[in-house]
Amino acid sequence: MNTPFKHVYGPVPSRRLGRSLGVDAITFKSCPFDCVYCQLGRTTNCTLERREYVPTAEILDEVRRKLDTGDIPQYVSFAGSGEPTLHSGLGEIIRGIKAMTDVPVVVFTNGSLLWRPDVRDDLLAADVVIPSLDAGGAALLEKVNRPHPDLSFERIVEGIAAFRDAFKGQIWLEVMLLGGVSDDDAAVDAIARHTARIRPDKVQINSVCRPPAEAWARPVDARRLLEIQRRFPGTVEIIAEHLDDMAHAAFRTQIREEDILALIERRPCTAAGVGAGLNIHVTEALKHLEMLVADGKAVTQITEGQVFYSACERRQEEGEKARP
């Protein structure tokens, strides 16, 4: 009997990375932020504590088993259900993966802990780090990201800038903008000024595309995003929601329910997204998703005219256990 994967998922389609093997190293919704746009809902464990939330050895074993299947991704990415830099073994995990494969390692982070030297040291082993900066000042940080009370805006920005000074790999700075909240010229220009301090290799402008934690978190329209793009220095791109060309020769003919649940428990997905991530035809994905809904294992939500599927129980018990 095959041991199920609990901490590794995919490869899944990524707007930026093509096909990415996801590593979920943190218990559900453990994060220093409680972002209003988060696709996983409200943070249940708002913390700054670094510890081994998930056993390091288990993660490395699962990555090795995934790679042994021969389905080689374009990237191995740390993302998932919480803030990856909270894991005290992050550096060991990254180095362990690098010893297994030449596939580049990417870490998505909200950047909230980069003021810590140990976090910066752990991330030095990665190939690409994608921190986020969604505000140009303390007031907007509080409104959009709702950080842990011991965090300050200046500390966060200085931490990201300090990491830039030490890191030899690529830094792609993600800026998540909200319609009517952070998309006016003054708010955008404030973020752009701090971007100049950070000196990323490129800026990636994003907006809400999945069901957010707060209903008032709305996307910025496409025309405005193009205007905003011109206000940032350096290389700037708008990352739009789309499905990458997976270029597979054939679809899988069999799919396990647990594979779909592992995907939609970490982020809401459309049927097309599930199909691309698991290499099955969209109609086959839709059939399985509707069965999960009928069985009470998944729910639907319509956002911006698209139907998204989410698992009913996205490891809430783990989130409860993670609370201090």
Protein backbone atom coordinates (compact mmCIF):
# COMPACT_ATOMS: atom_id res chain seq x y z
CA MET A 1 0.00 0.00 0.00
CA ASN A 2 1.38 3.39 -0.97
CA THR A 3 1.95 5.86 1.85
CA PRO A 4 -0.16 8.98 1.21
CA PHE A 5 1.48 12.34 0.67
CA LYS A 6 0.61 14.78 3.46
CA HIS A 7 3.13 17.57 2.96
CA VAL A 8 3.90 17.50 -0.78
CA TYR A 9 1.39 18.04 -3.58
CA GLY A 10 1.31 18.27 -7.34
CA PRO A 11 2.94 19.07 -9.64
CA VAL A 12 0.31 21.80 -10.00
CA PRO A 13 -0.01 24.58 -12.59
CA SER A 14 1.48 27.88 -11.51
CA ARG A 15 1.06 31.28 -13.11
CA ARG A 16 4.75 31.97 -12.64
CA LEU A 17 6.48 28.62 -12.42
CA GLY A 18 4.83 26.38 -14.98
CA ARG A 19 4.43 22.98 -13.30
CA SER A 20 5.46 23.22 -9.67
CA LEU A 21 5.85 20.55 -6.99
CA GLY A 22 4.44 22.11 -3.83
CA VAL A 23 5.92 21.66 -0.36
CA ASP A 24 3.57 22.47 2.53
CA ALA A 25 5.81 22.67 5.60
CA ILE A 26 3.45 24.46 8.00
CA THR A 27 0.24 23.48 9.77
CA PHE A 28 -2.93 24.99 8.36
CA LYS A 29 -3.18 28.81 8.64
CA SER A 30 -0.14 29.32 10.88
CA CYS A 31 1.13 32.71 9.75
CA PRO A 32 2.35 36.09 11.07
CA PHE A 33 -0.24 37.77 8.80
CA ASP A 34 -4.03 37.54 8.52
CA CYS A 35 -4.37 38.92 4.99
CA VAL A 36 -7.81 40.02 3.88
CA TYR A 37 -7.26 38.49 0.43
CA CYS A 38 -5.99 35.08 1.59
CA GLN A 39 -7.56 32.26 -0.39
CA LEU A 40 -7.44 29.97 2.66
CA GLY A 41 -9.59 32.17 4.89
CA ARG A 42 -8.77 33.80 8.23
CA THR A 43 -5.54 32.95 10.05
CA THR A 44 -6.23 30.68 13.02
CA ASN A 45 -2.71 30.72 14.48
CA CYS A 46 -1.16 34.18 14.12
CA THR A 47 2.36 33.60 15.37
CA LEU A 48 6.03 34.54 15.06
CA GLU A 49 7.26 31.28 16.61
CA ARG A 50 9.72 29.30 14.53
CA ARG A 51 9.60 25.57 15.18
CA GLU A 52 9.39 22.23 13.41
CA TYR A 53 5.68 22.37 12.59
CA VAL A 54 6.00 19.30 10.34
CA PRO A 55 8.83 16.75 10.74
CA THR A 56 11.72 17.66 8.47
CA ALA A 57 12.48 14.02 7.70
CA GLU A 58 8.88 13.39 6.56
CA ILE A 59 9.00 16.30 4.13
CA LEU A 60 12.28 15.18 2.60
CA ASP A 61 11.03 11.60 2.28
CA GLU A 62 7.87 12.76 0.49
CA VAL A 63 9.81 14.97 -1.91
CA ARG A 64 12.12 12.06 -2.71
CA ARG A 65 9.18 9.73 -3.37
CA LYS A 66 7.50 12.30 -5.62
CA LEU A 67 10.65 12.81 -7.64
CA ASP A 68 11.11 9.05 -7.91
CA THR A 69 7.81 8.80 -9.83
CA GLY A 70 9.56 10.41 -12.78
CA ASP A 71 7.05 13.26 -13.03
CA ILE A 72 9.70 15.95 -12.81
CA PRO A 73 8.42 19.50 -12.16
CA GLN A 74 9.89 22.74 -13.41
CA TYR A 75 10.27 24.00 -9.83
CA VAL A 76 9.95 22.78 -6.26
CA SER A 77 8.07 25.49 -4.40
CA PHE A 78 7.43 26.15 -0.72
CA ALA A 79 3.92 27.57 -0.34
CA GLY A 80 0.74 25.83 0.83
CA SER A 81 -1.20 26.35 4.03
CA GLY A 82 0.97 28.73 6.08
CA GLU A 83 4.10 30.90 6.09
CA PRO A 84 7.08 28.65 5.14
CA THR A 85 9.70 30.68 7.03
CA LEU A 86 8.06 29.71 10.33
CA HIS A 87 9.56 26.23 9.93
CA SER A 88 12.79 26.04 11.92
CA GLY A 89 14.17 23.35 9.61
CA LEU A 90 13.57 25.28 6.39
CA GLY A 91 17.25 25.61 5.52
CA GLU A 92 17.87 21.90 6.11
CA ILE A 93 14.88 21.00 3.93
CA ILE A 94 15.99 23.25 1.07
CA ARG A 95 19.53 21.89 1.18
CA GLY A 96 18.18 18.34 1.31
CA ILE A 97 16.08 18.90 -1.80
CA LYS A 98 19.02 20.49 -3.59
CA ALA A 99 21.03 17.34 -2.85
CA MET A 100 18.32 15.21 -4.55
CA THR A 101 17.67 17.14 -7.74
CA ASP A 102 18.76 19.94 -10.02
CA VAL A 103 15.19 21.27 -10.12
CA PRO A 104 15.34 24.86 -8.77
CA VAL A 105 13.80 25.58 -5.37
CA VAL A 106 11.46 28.54 -4.88
CA VAL A 107 10.15 29.92 -1.60
CA PHE A 108 7.00 32.03 -1.47
CA THR A 109 7.01 34.19 1.66
CA ASN A 110 5.15 37.20 2.94
CA GLY A 111 8.54 38.55 4.03
CA SER A 112 7.41 39.15 7.60
CA LEU A 113 10.32 37.26 9.20
CA LEU A 114 13.22 38.37 7.00
CA TRP A 115 14.39 40.74 9.74
CA ARG A 116 15.62 37.59 11.52
CA PRO A 117 19.19 36.57 10.59
CA ASP A 118 18.37 32.85 10.97
CA VAL A 119 15.52 33.13 8.46
CA ARG A 120 17.72 34.97 5.97
CA ASP A 121 20.42 32.32 6.39
CA ASP A 122 17.92 29.51 5.75
CA LEU A 123 16.71 31.12 2.54
CA LEU A 124 20.20 31.58 1.10
CA ALA A 125 20.07 27.98 -0.14
CA ALA A 126 17.06 28.66 -2.40
CA ASP A 127 17.26 29.57 -6.08
CA VAL A 128 14.34 32.00 -6.12
CA VAL A 129 12.62 33.79 -3.24
CA ILE A 130 9.28 35.52 -3.83
CA PRO A 131 8.50 37.88 -0.94
CA SER A 132 5.47 40.12 -0.94
CA LEU A 133 5.00 43.81 -0.24
CA ASP A 134 1.36 44.86 -0.35
CA ALA A 135 1.61 48.23 1.36
CA GLY A 136 3.76 51.34 1.34
CA GLY A 137 3.16 52.24 4.98
CA ALA A 138 1.98 51.05 8.38
CA ALA A 139 -1.68 52.01 7.98
CA LEU A 140 -2.20 50.05 4.79
CA LEU A 141 -0.20 47.11 6.17
CA GLU A 142 -2.65 46.96 9.08
CA LYS A 143 -5.65 47.12 6.77
CA VAL A 144 -4.52 44.62 4.14
CA ASN A 145 -2.16 42.20 5.92
CA ARG A 146 -3.30 42.49 9.56
CA PRO A 147 0.13 41.50 10.95
CA HIS A 148 1.08 40.03 14.33
CA PRO A 149 1.16 42.89 16.87
CA ASP A 150 4.93 42.56 17.37
CA LEU A 151 5.63 43.30 13.70
CA SER A 152 6.20 46.77 12.27
CA PHE A 153 6.20 47.97 8.69
CA GLU A 154 9.75 49.32 8.86
CA ARG A 155 11.10 46.10 10.34
CA ILE A 156 9.53 44.07 7.53
CA VAL A 157 10.87 46.29 4.73
CA GLU A 158 14.34 46.50 6.25
CA GLY A 159 14.38 42.72 6.55
CA ILE A 160 13.57 42.20 2.87
CA ALA A 161 16.20 44.78 1.90
CA ALA A 162 18.81 43.09 4.11
CA PHE A 163 18.08 39.77 2.47
CA ARG A 164 18.58 41.35 -0.95
CA ASP A 165 22.07 42.42 0.12
CA ALA A 166 23.05 38.84 1.01
CA PHE A 167 21.13 36.71 -1.50
CA LYS A 168 22.78 35.80 -4.80
CA GLY A 169 19.69 34.19 -6.34
CA GLN A 170 16.61 35.74 -7.88
CA ILE A 171 14.15 37.86 -5.88
CA TRP A 172 10.74 38.40 -7.45
CA LEU A 173 8.77 40.88 -5.38
CA GLU A 174 5.03 40.26 -5.46
CA VAL A 175 2.71 43.22 -4.93
CA MET A 176 -0.89 42.23 -4.25
CA LEU A 177 -3.24 45.13 -4.94
CA LEU A 178 -6.89 45.50 -3.93
CA GLY A 179 -9.45 47.49 -5.87
CA GLY A 180 -10.52 50.64 -4.04
CA VAL A 181 -8.02 49.99 -1.23
CA SER A 182 -4.44 50.03 -2.50
CA ASP A 183 -4.71 50.85 -6.20
CA ASP A 184 -4.75 54.66 -6.10
CA ASP A 185 -1.67 56.60 -7.22
CA ALA A 186 -0.56 57.58 -3.72
CA ALA A 187 -0.71 54.01 -2.38
CA VAL A 188 1.03 52.59 -5.44
CA ASP A 189 3.80 55.20 -5.43
CA ALA A 190 4.51 54.52 -1.75
CA ILE A 191 4.98 50.82 -2.49
CA ALA A 192 7.15 51.67 -5.51
CA ARG A 193 9.48 53.81 -3.36
CA HIS A 194 10.14 50.89 -1.03
CA THR A 195 10.55 48.59 -4.01
CA ALA A 196 13.50 50.75 -5.07
CA ARG A 197 15.10 50.08 -1.66
CA ILE A 198 14.64 46.32 -2.02
CA ARG A 199 16.04 46.13 -5.57
CA PRO A 200 14.26 42.93 -6.69
CA ASP A 201 15.14 41.26 -9.97
CA LYS A 202 11.57 41.91 -10.99
CA VAL A 203 8.25 43.09 -9.59
CA GLN A 204 5.15 40.98 -10.08
CA ILE A 205 1.87 42.86 -9.76
CA ASN A 206 -1.02 40.71 -8.67
CA SER A 207 -4.64 41.12 -7.65
CA VAL A 208 -7.42 39.02 -6.17
CA CYS A 209 -8.32 36.06 -8.37
CA ARG A 210 -9.59 33.47 -5.87
CA PRO A 211 -12.23 33.64 -3.13
CA PRO A 212 -10.71 35.95 -0.45
CA ALA A 213 -10.94 35.85 3.34
CA GLU A 214 -12.95 39.09 3.31
CA ALA A 215 -15.67 39.70 0.75
CA TRP A 216 -14.67 43.36 0.38
CA ALA A 217 -11.23 42.38 -0.98
CA ARG A 218 -11.85 43.02 -4.67
CA PRO A 219 -9.63 42.74 -7.78
CA VAL A 220 -8.15 45.67 -9.66
CA ASP A 221 -9.39 45.91 -13.24
CA ALA A 222 -7.01 45.09 -16.08
CA ARG A 223 -6.74 48.63 -17.46
CA ARG A 224 -5.77 50.03 -14.07
CA LEU A 225 -3.16 47.29 -13.60
CA LEU A 226 -1.50 48.39 -16.83
CA GLU A 227 -1.39 51.98 -15.57
CA ILE A 228 0.07 50.83 -12.26
CA GLN A 229 2.74 48.77 -13.99
CA ARG A 230 4.32 51.94 -15.36
CA ARG A 231 4.69 53.46 -11.89
CA PHE A 232 7.22 50.88 -10.68
CA PRO A 233 10.97 50.91 -11.35
CA GLY A 234 12.86 48.16 -13.14
CA THR A 235 11.40 45.01 -14.64
CA VAL A 236 7.69 44.82 -13.88
CA GLU A 237 5.13 42.26 -15.00
CA ILE A 238 1.45 41.70 -14.36
CA ILE A 239 0.76 38.10 -13.42
CA ALA A 240 -2.66 37.23 -14.77
CA GLU A 241 -4.70 34.18 -13.90
CA HIS A 242 -4.26 31.61 -16.63
CA LEU A 243 -3.44 27.99 -17.16
CA ASP A 244 -0.02 27.29 -18.55
CA ASP A 245 0.42 24.97 -21.49
CA MET A 246 1.28 21.72 -19.79
CA ALA A 247 2.34 20.09 -23.08
CA HIS A 248 1.56 16.55 -21.98
CA ALA A 249 1.37 13.81 -24.57
CA ALA A 250 -1.66 12.21 -22.95
CA PHE A 251 -4.03 12.64 -20.04
CA ARG A 252 -4.01 10.29 -17.07
CA THR A 253 -6.75 7.72 -17.23
CA GLN A 254 -7.04 7.17 -13.48
CA ILE A 255 -7.17 9.66 -10.65
CA ARG A 256 -7.50 9.19 -6.91
CA GLU A 257 -9.94 11.17 -4.82
CA GLU A 258 -7.18 11.94 -2.32
CA ASP A 259 -5.10 13.60 -5.06
CA ILE A 260 -7.90 16.06 -5.79
CA LEU A 261 -8.55 16.71 -2.10
CA ALA A 262 -4.84 17.30 -1.49
CA LEU A 263 -4.94 20.00 -4.14
CA ILE A 264 -8.16 21.80 -3.21
CA GLU A 265 -7.54 21.72 0.53
CA ARG A 266 -4.57 24.03 -0.02
CA ARG A 267 -6.14 26.46 -2.44
CA PRO A 268 -9.52 26.83 -4.14
CA CYS A 269 -9.34 25.61 -7.73
CA THR A 270 -11.52 25.63 -10.81
CA ALA A 271 -12.17 22.37 -12.65
CA ALA A 272 -9.70 23.52 -15.31
CA GLY A 273 -7.07 24.17 -12.64
CA VAL A 274 -7.53 20.70 -11.16
CA GLY A 275 -7.35 19.15 -14.61
CA ALA A 276 -4.10 20.91 -15.48
CA GLY A 277 -2.55 20.23 -12.08
CA LEU A 278 -3.30 16.51 -12.11
CA ASN A 279 -3.01 15.96 -15.87
CA ILE A 280 -6.60 14.85 -16.41
CA HIS A 281 -9.18 16.16 -18.85
CA VAL A 282 -11.26 19.02 -17.49
CA THR A 283 -14.48 17.03 -17.91
CA GLU A 284 -12.99 14.19 -15.87
CA ALA A 285 -11.93 16.69 -13.20
CA LEU A 286 -15.42 18.19 -13.15
CA LYS A 287 -17.00 14.75 -12.73
CA HIS A 288 -14.83 13.97 -9.70
CA LEU A 289 -15.32 17.42 -8.19
CA GLU A 290 -19.09 17.16 -8.44
CA MET A 291 -18.94 13.75 -6.75
CA LEU A 292 -16.92 15.28 -3.91
CA VAL A 293 -19.51 18.04 -3.54
CA ALA A 294 -22.34 15.48 -3.52
CA ASP A 295 -20.51 13.46 -0.85
CA GLY A 296 -20.05 16.54 1.33
CA LYS A 297 -16.27 16.55 0.92
CA ALA A 298 -16.04 19.72 -1.17
CA VAL A 299 -17.92 22.98 -1.53
CA THR A 300 -18.22 25.50 -4.35
CA GLN A 301 -17.94 29.27 -4.38
CA ILE A 302 -18.44 31.61 -7.32
CA THR A 303 -15.89 34.42 -7.60
CA GLU A 304 -15.67 36.78 -10.56
CA GLY A 305 -17.92 34.46 -12.56
CA GLN A 306 -15.79 31.33 -12.01
CA VAL A 307 -16.69 28.28 -9.92
CA PHE A 308 -14.01 27.38 -7.38
CA TYR A 309 -13.90 24.12 -5.43
CA SER A 310 -12.51 23.82 -1.90
CA ALA A 311 -12.22 20.88 0.49
CA CYS A 312 -14.71 21.04 3.35
CA GLU A 313 -12.10 20.13 5.97
CA ARG A 314 -8.82 21.82 5.13
CA ARG A 315 -6.90 20.46 8.09
CA GLN A 316 -8.69 22.61 10.63
CA GLU A 317 -7.69 20.14 13.34
CA GLU A 318 -4.02 20.80 12.61
CA GLY A 319 -4.67 24.50 12.86
CA GLU A 320 -6.23 24.04 16.27
CA LYS A 321 -3.29 21.95 17.46
CA ALA A 322 -0.87 24.63 16.28
CA ARG A 323 -2.33 27.24 18.58
CA PRO A 324 -0.14 27.95 21.61
